[in-house]
Amino acid sequence: MAKKKELKPQREVTKRQLSKWQRQQKRQRIIMAAGIFVVVAVIGVIGSGWYINDYQPLHQTVIRVNDAKFSMDYYIKMLKHYGEGQPFQYMEYIADDVVTLTERNELLRQGAMKLGISVSNSEVDEKLKEDDPPLSKDYRDIVRTDLLVDKLRDEYFEQEIPVSAEQRHMMVIFLESESQAAGVRARLKAGEGFAGLAGELSMESISKSNGGDMGWHSQNALAILLDTSVLADYAFNSEVDILSSPLYDEAKTKWVGYWLVELLERDEETEQVHVQVILLGSEEEAQEIRARLEAGEDFAALAEEFSQHEASREGGGDLGFMSREAMTSAFSEFAFDPELELGTLSEPIRDATAQTEGGYWLVEVVGIDDGRELSDEDRDLLKGRALNDWMESLWDDPENEVESYLDDEEKGWAIQRAISD
């Protein structure tokens, strides 16, 4: 018969031992709770720092267009797109432009909706895939805007532009001064060919390349094409085969200017010179201003009144000390002539890289048609102008509320994020 296994008597826990064990358990719980608290606190500090430094700034509203709101994160993405691969200095330059583009694109979207024109998400998706590599979905709004512009121009404004209109066919030349225009007019009157003189002398690119022949255009299309109303206003009030007198156009730009340069100081050690300048729109005007300087009139006063060089005009034409490399090549040879005495004033120096305003047209209308069909090119010009005018009306509409909350510091922060991300 098997022997019964004896049970060992249970060890009795004294009250003193129980109290000690309970204190140990309590201490362990306190230590564990403290550890958890520290971990939670550290996570909380890190999390709050992330929230304050990243999440909150990125999700704050920085641009509002009526009920549409755009976050800092959106603005940064637009900065990255429009400034891709550009240095910090360029990003600073476009920061305000990106705000304006965001506002314009949203106004356009909302305005198009009121006209019953929209772009579906599937259309946007297809367009995103066309780029190589495909555009990120972050730029859906940019693609949507491009598609909307095409629809507005080719569907809505297509119906707004007439098929035919009163038109003129004309020959034109654009010249820098009244005396030059008078001389060319005399040569035309004497029998010289319009095409040859326009190809040689015209300072407007279309008339120069086409030998002065502008072809057929409506009044509005001609004004848009040449970016001036002077020529169109004259042509649509003129008879056929009458050569105009010189027509002054103060706002038309051309790629030529004439510098007057005065050497003030020379620094042999740094190889720099200190000059003041005046940029004029014609040799004739430059000679007139030079004569006034030679007669004792103040250089700074004349520069502020007449110079077309925006960077120096408000400072009286003073460019400060400049190296040869920083100076336009048109007058660097004069300014760095080692034989040149201080205080010497240059003759007018022609610069074909300087853009100036003002000149004189010669116009001859060679054909009139009261109901000629508009060319595709003219209709595109008119549709584009109609679209631009419509966009301007959205900006001017007092019912549209457009606001930017970005200050210079926030723009700088956004640029840093756009460059570093």
Protein backbone atom coordinates (compact mmCIF):
# COMPACT_ATOMS: atom_id res chain seq x y z
CA MET A 1 0.00 0.00 0.00
CA ALA A 2 1.44 3.35 -1.05
CA LYS A 3 2.62 5.62 1.63
CA LYS A 4 0.79 8.92 1.92
CA LYS A 5 2.75 12.00 1.02
CA GLU A 6 3.03 14.23 3.97
CA LEU A 7 1.91 17.85 3.45
CA LYS A 8 4.32 20.44 4.63
CA PRO A 9 2.78 22.93 6.95
CA GLN A 10 2.22 26.37 5.34
CA ARG A 11 4.58 29.06 6.41
CA GLU A 12 2.75 31.68 8.32
CA VAL A 13 3.38 35.29 7.13
CA THR A 14 3.79 37.61 9.98
CA LYS A 15 2.14 41.01 10.06
CA ARG A 16 5.54 42.61 9.95
CA GLN A 17 6.52 40.71 6.80
CA LEU A 18 3.16 41.49 5.18
CA SER A 19 3.60 45.18 5.90
CA LYS A 20 7.08 45.15 4.39
CA TRP A 21 5.84 43.37 1.25
CA GLN A 22 3.01 45.84 0.85
CA ARG A 23 5.42 48.75 1.16
CA GLN A 24 7.66 47.23 -1.54
CA GLN A 25 4.69 46.77 -3.87
CA LYS A 26 3.57 50.34 -3.28
CA ARG A 27 7.08 51.65 -3.98
CA GLN A 28 7.28 49.68 -7.21
CA ARG A 29 3.91 51.07 -8.30
CA ILE A 30 5.09 54.60 -7.55
CA ILE A 31 8.32 54.07 -9.48
CA MET A 32 6.42 52.57 -12.41
CA ALA A 33 3.88 55.42 -12.37
CA ALA A 34 6.68 57.96 -12.24
CA GLY A 35 8.41 56.32 -15.20
CA ILE A 36 5.22 56.29 -17.21
CA PHE A 37 4.65 59.93 -16.29
CA VAL A 38 8.17 60.85 -17.46
CA VAL A 39 7.67 59.00 -20.77
CA VAL A 40 4.30 60.61 -21.29
CA ALA A 41 5.74 64.00 -20.37
CA VAL A 42 8.62 63.58 -22.84
CA ILE A 43 6.22 62.49 -25.56
CA GLY A 44 3.99 65.40 -24.65
CA VAL A 45 6.87 67.87 -24.88
CA ILE A 46 7.97 66.44 -28.22
CA GLY A 47 4.40 66.35 -29.43
CA SER A 48 3.65 69.88 -28.32
CA GLY A 49 6.85 71.07 -30.00
CA TRP A 50 5.84 69.31 -33.20
CA TYR A 51 2.33 70.75 -32.92
CA ILE A 52 3.58 74.29 -32.29
CA ASN A 53 6.47 74.23 -34.77
CA ASP A 54 5.04 72.12 -37.57
CA TYR A 55 1.42 71.07 -37.42
CA GLN A 56 -0.11 74.36 -36.28
CA PRO A 57 1.81 76.67 -38.68
CA LEU A 58 1.25 74.34 -41.63
CA HIS A 59 -2.50 74.18 -41.03
CA GLN A 60 -3.18 77.83 -40.30
CA THR A 61 -5.18 79.70 -42.94
CA VAL A 62 -2.94 82.16 -44.81
CA ILE A 63 -5.11 83.08 -47.82
CA ARG A 64 -8.87 83.41 -48.10
CA VAL A 65 -10.96 83.89 -51.23
CA ASN A 66 -14.61 84.24 -50.22
CA ASP A 67 -15.39 80.92 -48.45
CA ALA A 68 -12.31 79.11 -49.77
CA LYS A 69 -9.35 78.91 -47.36
CA PHE A 70 -5.75 77.99 -48.14
CA SER A 71 -3.28 76.75 -45.54
CA MET A 72 0.40 77.45 -45.08
CA ASP A 73 1.09 73.90 -46.27
CA TYR A 74 -0.71 74.68 -49.54
CA TYR A 75 1.23 77.93 -49.96
CA ILE A 76 4.55 76.11 -49.42
CA LYS A 77 3.66 73.53 -52.06
CA MET A 78 2.83 76.30 -54.54
CA LEU A 79 6.15 78.00 -53.74
CA LYS A 80 7.97 74.72 -54.44
CA HIS A 81 6.19 74.30 -57.77
CA TYR A 82 6.69 77.83 -59.11
CA GLY A 83 10.20 78.18 -57.71
CA GLU A 84 11.51 74.67 -58.36
CA GLY A 85 15.29 74.62 -58.60
CA GLN A 86 15.60 78.36 -57.95
CA PRO A 87 17.87 80.03 -55.34
CA PHE A 88 16.54 81.63 -52.16
CA GLN A 89 16.78 85.13 -53.65
CA TYR A 90 14.44 84.18 -56.49
CA MET A 91 11.99 82.58 -54.07
CA GLU A 92 11.85 85.85 -52.13
CA TYR A 93 11.01 87.61 -55.38
CA ILE A 94 8.08 85.31 -56.28
CA ALA A 95 6.63 84.97 -52.76
CA ASP A 96 4.05 87.71 -53.35
CA ASP A 97 3.37 86.47 -56.89
CA VAL A 98 2.43 83.03 -55.55
CA VAL A 99 -0.08 84.67 -53.20
CA THR A 100 -1.60 86.57 -56.14
CA LEU A 101 -1.68 83.43 -58.32
CA THR A 102 -3.45 81.46 -55.58
CA GLU A 103 -6.04 84.20 -55.21
CA ARG A 104 -6.46 84.59 -58.98
CA ASN A 105 -6.84 80.85 -59.60
CA GLU A 106 -9.55 80.52 -56.96
CA LEU A 107 -11.40 83.60 -58.20
CA LEU A 108 -11.27 82.12 -61.69
CA ARG A 109 -12.62 78.77 -60.47
CA GLN A 110 -15.48 80.40 -58.58
CA GLY A 111 -16.26 82.76 -61.47
CA ALA A 112 -16.27 79.91 -63.98
CA MET A 113 -18.70 77.97 -61.79
CA LYS A 114 -21.15 80.88 -61.99
CA LEU A 115 -20.88 80.70 -65.79
CA GLY A 116 -21.65 76.98 -65.67
CA ILE A 117 -18.09 75.95 -66.60
CA SER A 118 -16.09 73.48 -64.53
CA VAL A 119 -13.41 70.83 -64.85
CA SER A 120 -14.05 67.32 -63.53
CA ASN A 121 -11.64 65.40 -61.31
CA SER A 122 -11.17 62.80 -64.05
CA GLU A 123 -10.08 65.53 -66.49
CA VAL A 124 -7.55 66.75 -63.93
CA ASP A 125 -6.29 63.20 -63.34
CA GLU A 126 -5.74 62.67 -67.07
CA LYS A 127 -3.84 65.94 -67.38
CA LEU A 128 -1.64 65.09 -64.38
CA LYS A 129 -0.58 61.87 -66.09
CA GLU A 130 0.44 63.64 -69.31
CA ASP A 131 3.50 65.25 -67.70
CA ASP A 132 6.73 63.28 -67.68
CA PRO A 133 7.18 62.51 -64.83
CA PRO A 134 3.49 62.87 -63.87
CA LEU A 135 2.69 65.88 -61.70
CA SER A 136 2.00 65.28 -58.02
CA LYS A 137 -1.62 65.51 -56.89
CA ASP A 138 -0.52 68.46 -54.74
CA TYR A 139 -0.75 70.52 -57.93
CA ARG A 140 -4.30 69.62 -58.93
CA ASP A 141 -5.45 73.23 -58.58
CA ILE A 142 -2.80 74.45 -61.03
CA VAL A 143 -3.83 71.87 -63.62
CA ARG A 144 -7.51 72.61 -63.02
CA THR A 145 -6.89 76.33 -63.61
CA ASP A 146 -5.08 75.68 -66.90
CA LEU A 147 -7.94 73.50 -68.11
CA LEU A 148 -10.51 76.08 -67.00
CA VAL A 149 -8.72 78.85 -68.91
CA ASP A 150 -8.82 76.73 -72.06
CA LYS A 151 -12.53 76.01 -71.60
CA LEU A 152 -13.39 79.63 -70.89
CA ARG A 153 -11.49 80.86 -73.94
CA ASP A 154 -12.55 78.15 -76.38
CA GLU A 155 -16.13 77.57 -75.22
CA TYR A 156 -17.54 80.60 -73.41
CA PHE A 157 -15.63 83.51 -74.99
CA GLU A 158 -15.68 81.83 -78.39
CA GLN A 159 -19.36 82.78 -78.49
CA GLU A 160 -18.64 86.37 -77.43
CA ILE A 161 -16.32 87.26 -80.34
CA PRO A 162 -17.84 88.15 -83.74
CA VAL A 163 -16.84 86.25 -86.86
CA SER A 164 -16.31 89.39 -88.95
CA ALA A 165 -15.59 93.08 -88.32
CA GLU A 166 -14.49 96.34 -89.94
CA GLN A 167 -10.79 96.04 -90.76
CA ARG A 168 -7.85 97.96 -92.17
CA HIS A 169 -4.80 96.87 -94.12
CA MET A 170 -1.84 99.15 -93.43
CA MET A 171 1.90 99.72 -93.77
CA VAL A 172 3.75 101.06 -90.71
CA ILE A 173 7.21 102.05 -89.43
CA PHE A 174 8.10 102.86 -85.82
CA LEU A 175 11.00 105.31 -85.33
CA GLU A 176 12.81 106.75 -82.33
CA SER A 177 12.44 110.51 -82.89
CA GLU A 178 10.33 113.06 -84.69
CA SER A 179 13.25 114.27 -86.79
CA GLN A 180 14.06 110.72 -87.91
CA ALA A 181 10.39 110.08 -88.74
CA ALA A 182 10.24 113.31 -90.75
CA GLY A 183 13.34 112.25 -92.68
CA VAL A 184 11.97 108.80 -93.45
CA ARG A 185 8.62 110.30 -94.48
CA ALA A 186 10.43 112.51 -96.99
CA ARG A 187 12.21 109.47 -98.42
CA LEU A 188 8.90 107.61 -98.79
CA LYS A 189 7.37 110.63 -100.50
CA ALA A 190 10.34 110.68 -102.84
CA GLY A 191 9.57 107.13 -103.93
CA GLU A 192 11.67 104.84 -101.71
CA GLY A 193 10.01 101.53 -100.89
CA PHE A 194 8.11 101.16 -97.63
CA ALA A 195 9.25 97.56 -97.17
CA GLY A 196 12.94 98.35 -97.46
CA LEU A 197 12.84 101.29 -95.06
CA ALA A 198 10.68 99.44 -92.49
CA GLY A 199 12.94 96.38 -92.63
CA GLU A 200 15.98 98.56 -92.08
CA LEU A 201 14.77 101.15 -89.59
CA SER A 202 11.57 100.15 -87.78
CA MET A 203 12.00 99.61 -84.05
CA GLU A 204 8.86 97.50 -83.69
CA SER A 205 9.49 93.80 -84.28
CA ILE A 206 6.41 92.83 -86.34
CA SER A 207 6.66 95.74 -88.78
CA LYS A 208 10.41 95.26 -89.08
CA SER A 209 10.21 91.53 -89.89
CA ASN A 210 7.26 92.02 -92.30
CA GLY A 211 8.67 95.00 -94.17
CA GLY A 212 6.08 97.29 -92.60
CA ASP A 213 3.10 95.24 -93.85
CA MET A 214 0.72 94.69 -90.90
CA GLY A 215 -1.93 92.88 -92.95
CA TRP A 216 -5.67 93.06 -92.14
CA HIS A 217 -6.84 93.71 -88.57
CA SER A 218 -9.83 95.03 -86.68
CA GLN A 219 -9.29 98.10 -84.51
CA ASN A 220 -9.31 96.19 -81.22
CA ALA A 221 -7.12 93.36 -82.51
CA LEU A 222 -4.56 95.85 -83.85
CA ALA A 223 -4.41 97.66 -80.50
CA ILE A 224 -3.82 94.37 -78.70
CA LEU A 225 -1.25 93.14 -81.23
CA LEU A 226 0.90 96.28 -80.99
CA ASP A 227 0.09 97.07 -77.34
CA THR A 228 -0.88 100.63 -78.23
CA SER A 229 -4.06 102.39 -79.37
CA VAL A 230 -2.30 105.25 -81.21
CA LEU A 231 -1.88 103.39 -84.48
CA ALA A 232 -5.37 101.85 -84.47
CA ASP A 233 -7.06 105.16 -83.62
CA TYR A 234 -5.37 106.85 -86.58
CA ALA A 235 -5.85 104.03 -89.09
CA PHE A 236 -9.59 103.73 -88.51
CA ASN A 237 -10.07 107.45 -89.13
CA SER A 238 -7.86 107.69 -92.21
CA GLU A 239 -8.47 107.39 -95.92
CA VAL A 240 -6.63 105.01 -98.25
CA ASP A 241 -3.16 105.80 -99.66
CA ILE A 242 -2.45 108.81 -97.42
CA LEU A 243 0.90 108.72 -95.60
CA SER A 244 0.56 110.09 -92.09
CA SER A 245 2.67 112.75 -90.47
CA PRO A 246 4.82 111.43 -87.57
CA LEU A 247 2.43 110.16 -84.86
CA TYR A 248 3.86 110.39 -81.32
CA ASP A 249 3.37 107.35 -79.07
CA GLU A 250 4.70 108.05 -75.57
CA ALA A 251 4.10 104.57 -74.13
CA LYS A 252 5.31 102.24 -76.90
CA THR A 253 8.48 100.43 -75.85
CA LYS A 254 11.51 99.78 -78.03
CA TRP A 255 14.89 98.10 -77.61
CA VAL A 256 17.16 101.12 -77.95
CA GLY A 257 18.27 103.91 -75.66
CA TYR A 258 20.96 106.57 -75.37
CA TRP A 259 23.13 107.10 -72.30
CA LEU A 260 24.67 110.29 -71.02
CA VAL A 261 27.45 109.37 -68.59
CA GLU A 262 29.56 111.57 -66.33
CA LEU A 263 32.68 110.20 -64.63
CA LEU A 264 32.85 111.40 -61.02
CA GLU A 265 35.57 109.32 -59.32
CA ARG A 266 38.04 106.55 -60.06
CA ASP A 267 39.34 103.96 -57.54
CA GLU A 268 42.56 102.48 -58.89
CA GLU A 269 42.89 99.97 -56.04
CA THR A 270 39.49 98.30 -56.52
CA GLU A 271 39.38 99.02 -60.27
CA GLN A 272 35.99 100.69 -59.97
CA VAL A 273 34.56 103.96 -61.18
CA HIS A 274 31.86 106.22 -59.80
CA VAL A 275 29.45 107.46 -62.48
CA GLN A 276 26.10 109.14 -62.84
CA VAL A 277 23.89 108.46 -65.84
CA ILE A 278 20.80 109.51 -67.74
CA LEU A 279 19.04 107.11 -70.15
CA LEU A 280 17.01 108.76 -72.96
CA GLY A 281 14.71 107.34 -75.62
CA SER A 282 16.31 108.95 -78.67
CA GLU A 283 19.59 110.43 -79.84
CA GLU A 284 17.78 113.70 -80.50
CA GLU A 285 16.54 113.93 -76.91
CA ALA A 286 19.96 112.91 -75.58
CA GLN A 287 21.61 115.75 -77.51
CA GLU A 288 19.07 118.22 -76.13
CA ILE A 289 19.66 117.12 -72.52
CA ARG A 290 23.42 117.13 -73.04
CA ALA A 291 23.25 120.74 -74.24
CA ARG A 292 21.37 121.68 -71.07
CA LEU A 293 24.02 119.97 -68.92
CA GLU A 294 26.78 121.77 -70.78
CA ALA A 295 24.92 125.03 -70.12
CA GLY A 296 25.16 124.38 -66.38
CA GLU A 297 21.89 122.68 -65.43
CA ASP A 298 22.00 120.18 -62.55
CA PHE A 299 22.66 116.56 -63.59
CA ALA A 300 20.61 115.03 -60.75
CA ALA A 301 17.59 117.24 -61.45
CA LEU A 302 17.59 116.37 -65.15
CA ALA A 303 18.06 112.67 -64.39
CA GLU A 304 15.08 112.66 -62.02
CA GLU A 305 12.94 114.40 -64.64
CA PHE A 306 13.96 112.67 -67.87
CA SER A 307 15.95 109.47 -67.28
CA GLN A 308 14.26 106.19 -68.19
CA HIS A 309 16.70 104.18 -66.06
CA GLU A 310 14.47 103.20 -63.14
CA ALA A 311 17.29 101.94 -60.90
CA SER A 312 19.11 105.27 -60.79
CA ARG A 313 16.51 107.92 -61.61
CA GLU A 314 15.33 108.60 -58.06
CA GLY A 315 18.95 108.94 -56.95
CA GLY A 316 19.64 111.59 -59.56
CA GLY A 317 21.32 109.11 -61.89
CA ASP A 318 24.03 108.16 -59.36
CA LEU A 319 25.17 104.55 -59.86
CA GLY A 320 27.88 104.70 -57.19
CA PHE A 321 31.14 102.79 -57.61
CA MET A 322 30.91 99.99 -60.16
CA SER A 323 33.23 97.40 -61.65
CA ARG A 324 33.46 96.93 -65.40
CA GLU A 325 31.60 93.61 -65.14
CA ALA A 326 28.65 95.19 -63.30
CA MET A 327 28.25 97.93 -65.88
CA THR A 328 26.41 97.81 -69.19
CA SER A 329 28.86 97.18 -72.00
CA ALA A 330 27.41 100.13 -73.92
CA PHE A 331 29.22 102.70 -71.79
CA SER A 332 31.85 100.68 -69.88
CA GLU A 333 34.50 101.54 -72.51
CA PHE A 334 33.86 105.24 -71.94
CA ALA A 335 33.76 105.01 -68.13
CA PHE A 336 36.95 102.93 -67.86
CA ASP A 337 39.04 104.91 -70.35
CA PRO A 338 42.26 105.59 -68.33
CA GLU A 339 42.81 108.83 -70.26
CA LEU A 340 39.38 110.19 -69.32
CA GLU A 341 39.41 113.19 -66.98
CA LEU A 342 37.11 113.30 -63.97
CA GLY A 343 33.97 115.32 -64.62
CA THR A 344 33.91 114.47 -68.34
CA LEU A 345 30.43 114.13 -69.84
CA SER A 346 29.96 111.63 -72.64
CA GLU A 347 28.35 112.14 -76.00
CA PRO A 348 25.08 110.16 -76.38
CA ILE A 349 25.98 106.45 -76.27
CA ARG A 350 23.61 104.13 -78.16
CA ASP A 351 22.57 100.94 -76.35
CA ALA A 352 20.57 98.33 -78.28
CA THR A 353 20.02 96.33 -75.07
CA ALA A 354 18.24 99.13 -73.19
CA GLN A 355 14.44 99.26 -73.24
CA THR A 356 12.93 102.73 -73.46
CA GLU A 357 9.51 104.22 -74.13
CA GLY A 358 8.36 106.65 -76.78
CA GLY A 359 8.63 106.96 -80.53
CA TYR A 360 6.90 108.02 -83.75
CA TRP A 361 4.78 106.03 -86.18
CA LEU A 362 4.45 106.52 -89.91
CA VAL A 363 1.25 104.89 -91.21
CA GLU A 364 -0.32 104.38 -94.59
CA VAL A 365 -3.70 102.65 -94.93
CA VAL A 366 -3.73 100.59 -98.14
CA GLY A 367 -7.09 98.84 -97.77
CA ILE A 368 -10.50 99.21 -96.05
CA ASP A 369 -13.12 96.48 -95.57
CA ASP A 370 -16.26 97.13 -93.53
CA GLY A 371 -17.15 93.47 -92.95
CA ARG A 372 -14.09 91.26 -93.40
CA GLU A 373 -13.89 87.85 -91.71
CA LEU A 374 -11.52 87.91 -88.73
CA SER A 375 -8.44 85.72 -88.93
CA ASP A 376 -7.97 82.95 -86.36
CA GLU A 377 -5.05 84.90 -84.92
CA ASP A 378 -7.16 88.03 -84.38
CA ARG A 379 -9.99 86.04 -82.83
CA ASP A 380 -7.50 84.43 -80.43
CA LEU A 381 -6.23 87.90 -79.48
CA LEU A 382 -9.77 89.13 -78.87
CA LYS A 383 -10.72 86.04 -76.86
CA GLY A 384 -7.62 86.45 -74.74
CA ARG A 385 -8.41 90.10 -74.07
CA ALA A 386 -12.03 89.27 -73.21
CA LEU A 387 -10.80 86.62 -70.76
CA ASN A 388 -8.37 89.08 -69.15
CA ASP A 389 -11.06 91.75 -68.86
CA TRP A 390 -13.40 89.22 -67.24
CA MET A 391 -10.67 88.29 -64.75
CA GLU A 392 -10.12 91.97 -63.94
CA SER A 393 -13.85 92.31 -63.27
CA LEU A 394 -13.59 89.52 -60.70
CA TRP A 395 -10.80 91.38 -58.88
CA ASP A 396 -12.82 94.60 -58.95
CA ASP A 397 -16.09 93.01 -57.84
CA PRO A 398 -16.75 94.28 -54.26
CA GLU A 399 -18.68 91.09 -53.49
CA ASN A 400 -15.48 89.05 -53.80
CA GLU A 401 -13.55 89.04 -50.52
CA VAL A 402 -9.87 88.29 -51.03
CA GLU A 403 -7.39 88.45 -48.18
CA SER A 404 -3.83 87.32 -47.39
CA TYR A 405 -2.72 86.92 -43.76
CA LEU A 406 0.96 86.36 -44.56
CA ASP A 407 3.57 88.77 -43.21
CA ASP A 408 7.22 88.96 -44.29
CA GLU A 409 8.41 86.68 -41.48
CA GLU A 410 5.88 83.97 -42.38
CA LYS A 411 6.80 84.21 -46.06
CA GLY A 412 10.46 83.76 -45.13
CA TRP A 413 9.60 80.69 -43.04
CA ALA A 414 7.57 79.26 -45.92
CA ILE A 415 10.43 79.81 -48.36
CA GLN A 416 12.85 77.98 -46.06
CA ARG A 417 10.44 75.05 -45.85
CA ALA A 418 9.90 75.04 -49.63
CA ILE A 419 13.65 74.92 -50.28
CA SER A 420 14.53 72.37 -47.58
CA ASP A 421 11.63 69.91 -48.03
